[in-house]
Every structure is written in C-alpha cells, then in structure tokens.
C-alpha cells in the first residue's frame, strides 16, 4: 500500500513539473517550430528555401530544441558530418513531419532515446537535425527534460 501511495505521489509530481514547464515556455509560431525541429511539410517542397536566413542575419543553429535548449551549439556543429548512435534505421524517416509518426515509429525513436546515456541526447538530436530527421512530437518533452538536466550540470 505504501508503494502505491509513493508511486501516485511521484506520478503527480512528474505531471506537475511538466505542466509548469509547459506554462513557462512561450508559444511558438509554426515557422519557429519548423526551423527548430527540422520538420517540413511534405506538400511544400520549398519550405526550406523560405526559412533560410541571409548570412548576416543567420541565428545561432541549435540541436532541435532551440528555444528550450540551454546548451551552446555553433555553426561548425551544423557543418560537420552527423554522428550515428546505432540508429541508421531512423534515416528512413528523413523529411517526415514531427507529427506524422505512427505509434510503432515513435517506439523506434523512443528505444534509441531511452538506451543512450543522458549526455549523448544533445548530440543525437543534433545528428537527427543534420540528417533531416524530425524527432516525433511525443518525445520532445522527454528529450527536453534530459537535455535541460544535462545543461544544468557543471
């Protein structure tokens, strides 16, 4: 019985933290979401060309969690070749929108995310972005929490 009460309290605490984090984030436009998470609408092939800033106004590139991420990503990071985290099969989802994954496909991403070390998640997200693979919406909060915890570590 004590275990169930402890589990219920822990679950409520996690839900409360997610609600607080959601309320603290500023609402983003669709264009911001597209540029941050590397998603494109398959029906508009020129979406990338519309979002490309000129060189003098080029914002600092991010790992895919830009407005949320506190880690420093540099221009050189996006020019490098992507690292693979035993996730080559995820390249099959290149160009797919982050909200267009089935439950089984989300499970493939989740398996990679949950089996890697927390300090590898930021690099993995950057790798996905370099490869043109959007992280499923269902996993963005979890990835954000992991990256945030790592950013706060000294």
Protein backbone atom coordinates (compact mmCIF):
# COMPACT_ATOMS: atom_id res chain seq x y z
CA UNK A 1 0.00 0.00 0.00
CA UNK A 2 2.84 2.40 0.85
CA UNK A 3 4.39 1.62 -2.52
CA UNK A 4 1.20 2.59 -4.34
CA UNK A 5 0.94 5.86 -2.43
CA UNK A 6 4.59 6.68 -3.18
CA UNK A 7 4.07 5.82 -6.85
CA UNK A 8 0.97 8.03 -7.04
CA UNK A 9 2.78 10.95 -5.42
CA UNK A 10 5.75 10.55 -7.77
CA UNK A 11 3.42 10.43 -10.79
CA UNK A 12 1.58 13.56 -9.70
CA UNK A 13 4.88 15.34 -9.14
CA UNK A 14 6.04 14.48 -12.65
CA UNK A 15 2.77 15.73 -14.16
CA UNK A 16 3.02 18.93 -12.13
CA UNK A 17 6.59 19.55 -13.35
CA UNK A 18 5.56 19.03 -16.97
CA UNK A 19 2.66 21.45 -16.56
CA UNK A 20 4.95 24.08 -15.03
CA UNK A 21 7.48 23.64 -17.85
CA UNK A 22 4.73 23.93 -20.45
CA UNK A 23 3.41 27.13 -18.88
CA UNK A 24 6.88 28.68 -18.73
CA UNK A 25 7.54 28.20 -22.45
CA UNK A 26 6.48 30.96 -24.79
CA UNK A 27 4.11 29.96 -27.59
CA UNK A 28 5.88 29.47 -30.90
CA UNK A 29 4.73 30.09 -34.41
CA UNK A 30 4.61 27.27 -36.92
CA UNK A 31 7.68 28.71 -38.69
CA UNK A 32 9.64 28.67 -35.43
CA UNK A 33 8.66 25.05 -34.83
CA UNK A 34 9.69 24.10 -38.35
CA UNK A 35 13.09 25.76 -38.07
CA UNK A 36 13.73 24.46 -34.55
CA UNK A 37 12.85 20.84 -35.04
CA UNK A 38 13.85 20.40 -38.68
CA UNK A 39 10.35 19.46 -39.76
CA UNK A 40 8.94 20.24 -43.15
CA UNK A 41 5.55 19.77 -44.66
CA UNK A 42 5.87 17.21 -47.44
CA UNK A 43 3.34 19.12 -49.53
CA UNK A 44 5.56 22.22 -49.69
CA UNK A 45 8.97 21.28 -51.07
CA UNK A 46 10.19 24.88 -50.94
CA UNK A 47 9.59 25.27 -47.19
CA UNK A 48 13.34 25.08 -46.52
CA UNK A 49 14.12 27.83 -49.02
CA UNK A 50 11.59 30.15 -47.37
CA UNK A 51 13.10 29.65 -43.91
CA UNK A 52 16.77 30.14 -44.84
CA UNK A 53 18.01 33.41 -43.29
CA UNK A 54 20.57 35.53 -45.07
CA UNK A 55 24.18 35.06 -43.91
CA UNK A 56 24.28 38.36 -41.99
CA UNK A 57 21.12 37.52 -40.02
CA UNK A 58 21.94 33.83 -39.52
CA UNK A 59 20.81 32.88 -35.99
CA UNK A 60 22.97 30.52 -34.00
CA UNK A 61 21.99 26.99 -35.06
CA UNK A 62 20.62 24.67 -32.45
CA UNK A 63 20.16 20.98 -31.77
CA UNK A 64 16.45 20.91 -32.49
CA UNK A 65 15.27 22.24 -29.13
CA UNK A 66 16.49 25.79 -29.77
CA UNK A 67 14.14 27.96 -27.74
CA UNK A 68 14.28 25.43 -24.91
CA UNK A 69 17.90 24.31 -25.11
CA UNK A 70 20.49 25.98 -22.90
CA UNK A 71 23.50 24.25 -24.45
CA UNK A 72 25.71 26.16 -26.87
CA UNK A 73 25.57 24.93 -30.46
CA UNK A 74 27.83 26.57 -33.01
CA UNK A 75 27.74 26.99 -36.77
CA UNK A 76 30.54 24.45 -37.05
CA UNK A 77 28.34 21.87 -35.35
CA UNK A 78 25.87 22.01 -38.23
CA UNK A 79 28.58 21.78 -40.88
CA UNK A 80 30.03 18.56 -39.50
CA UNK A 81 29.00 15.10 -40.57
CA UNK A 82 26.30 13.63 -38.34
CA UNK A 83 27.24 11.03 -35.76
CA UNK A 84 25.20 7.85 -35.72
CA UNK A 85 24.03 6.33 -32.44
CA UNK A 86 23.21 2.87 -33.78
CA UNK A 87 20.11 4.47 -35.30
CA UNK A 88 20.70 4.25 -39.04
CA UNK A 89 17.16 2.91 -39.49
CA UNK A 90 15.80 6.33 -38.49
CA UNK A 91 17.13 7.77 -41.76
CA UNK A 92 14.08 6.17 -43.38
CA UNK A 93 12.04 8.99 -41.79
CA UNK A 94 14.04 11.80 -43.40
CA UNK A 95 11.76 14.69 -44.38
CA UNK A 96 8.74 13.48 -42.41
CA UNK A 97 6.89 15.96 -40.21
CA UNK A 98 7.28 15.51 -36.46
CA UNK A 99 3.55 14.95 -36.02
CA UNK A 100 3.25 12.32 -38.78
CA UNK A 101 4.69 9.28 -36.99
CA UNK A 102 2.73 6.17 -36.08
CA UNK A 103 2.94 4.70 -32.58
CA UNK A 104 5.28 1.94 -33.82
CA UNK A 105 7.59 4.51 -35.42
CA UNK A 106 7.64 6.60 -32.25
CA UNK A 107 8.68 3.45 -30.38
CA UNK A 108 11.75 3.15 -32.64
CA UNK A 109 12.85 6.67 -31.67
CA UNK A 110 11.98 6.03 -28.03
CA UNK A 111 14.11 2.89 -27.95
CA UNK A 112 17.14 4.84 -29.14
CA UNK A 113 16.45 7.72 -26.73
CA UNK A 114 15.99 5.53 -23.67
CA UNK A 115 19.00 3.30 -24.33
CA UNK A 116 21.56 6.08 -24.71
CA UNK A 117 23.39 7.90 -21.95
CA UNK A 118 21.79 11.23 -20.98
CA UNK A 119 24.93 13.12 -22.01
CA UNK A 120 24.55 11.75 -25.57
CA UNK A 121 21.00 13.04 -26.13
CA UNK A 122 22.02 16.56 -27.20
CA UNK A 123 24.43 15.16 -29.80
CA UNK A 124 21.80 12.70 -31.01
CA UNK A 125 19.24 15.48 -31.50
CA UNK A 126 21.81 17.49 -33.45
CA UNK A 127 22.60 14.38 -35.52
CA UNK A 128 18.90 13.90 -36.32
CA UNK A 129 18.67 17.52 -37.43
CA UNK A 130 21.76 17.22 -39.64
CA UNK A 131 20.23 14.11 -41.22
CA UNK A 132 16.85 15.81 -41.81
CA UNK A 133 15.01 13.51 -39.40
CA UNK A 134 12.44 15.20 -37.15
CA UNK A 135 12.03 13.99 -33.58
CA UNK A 136 8.42 12.82 -33.02
CA UNK A 137 6.30 15.31 -31.08
CA UNK A 138 5.55 12.62 -28.49
CA UNK A 139 9.22 12.53 -27.43
CA UNK A 140 10.12 16.23 -27.47
CA UNK A 141 9.22 16.89 -23.82
CA UNK A 142 11.23 13.90 -22.63
CA UNK A 143 14.21 14.92 -24.77
CA UNK A 144 13.93 18.50 -23.49
CA UNK A 145 13.96 17.36 -19.87
CA UNK A 146 17.05 15.21 -20.45
CA UNK A 147 18.91 17.99 -22.28
CA UNK A 148 17.91 20.56 -19.64
CA UNK A 149 19.19 18.35 -16.83
CA UNK A 150 22.49 17.92 -18.67
CA UNK A 151 22.79 21.68 -19.31
CA UNK A 152 22.39 22.39 -15.60
CA UNK A 153 25.20 20.02 -14.64
CA UNK A 154 28.55 21.72 -14.01
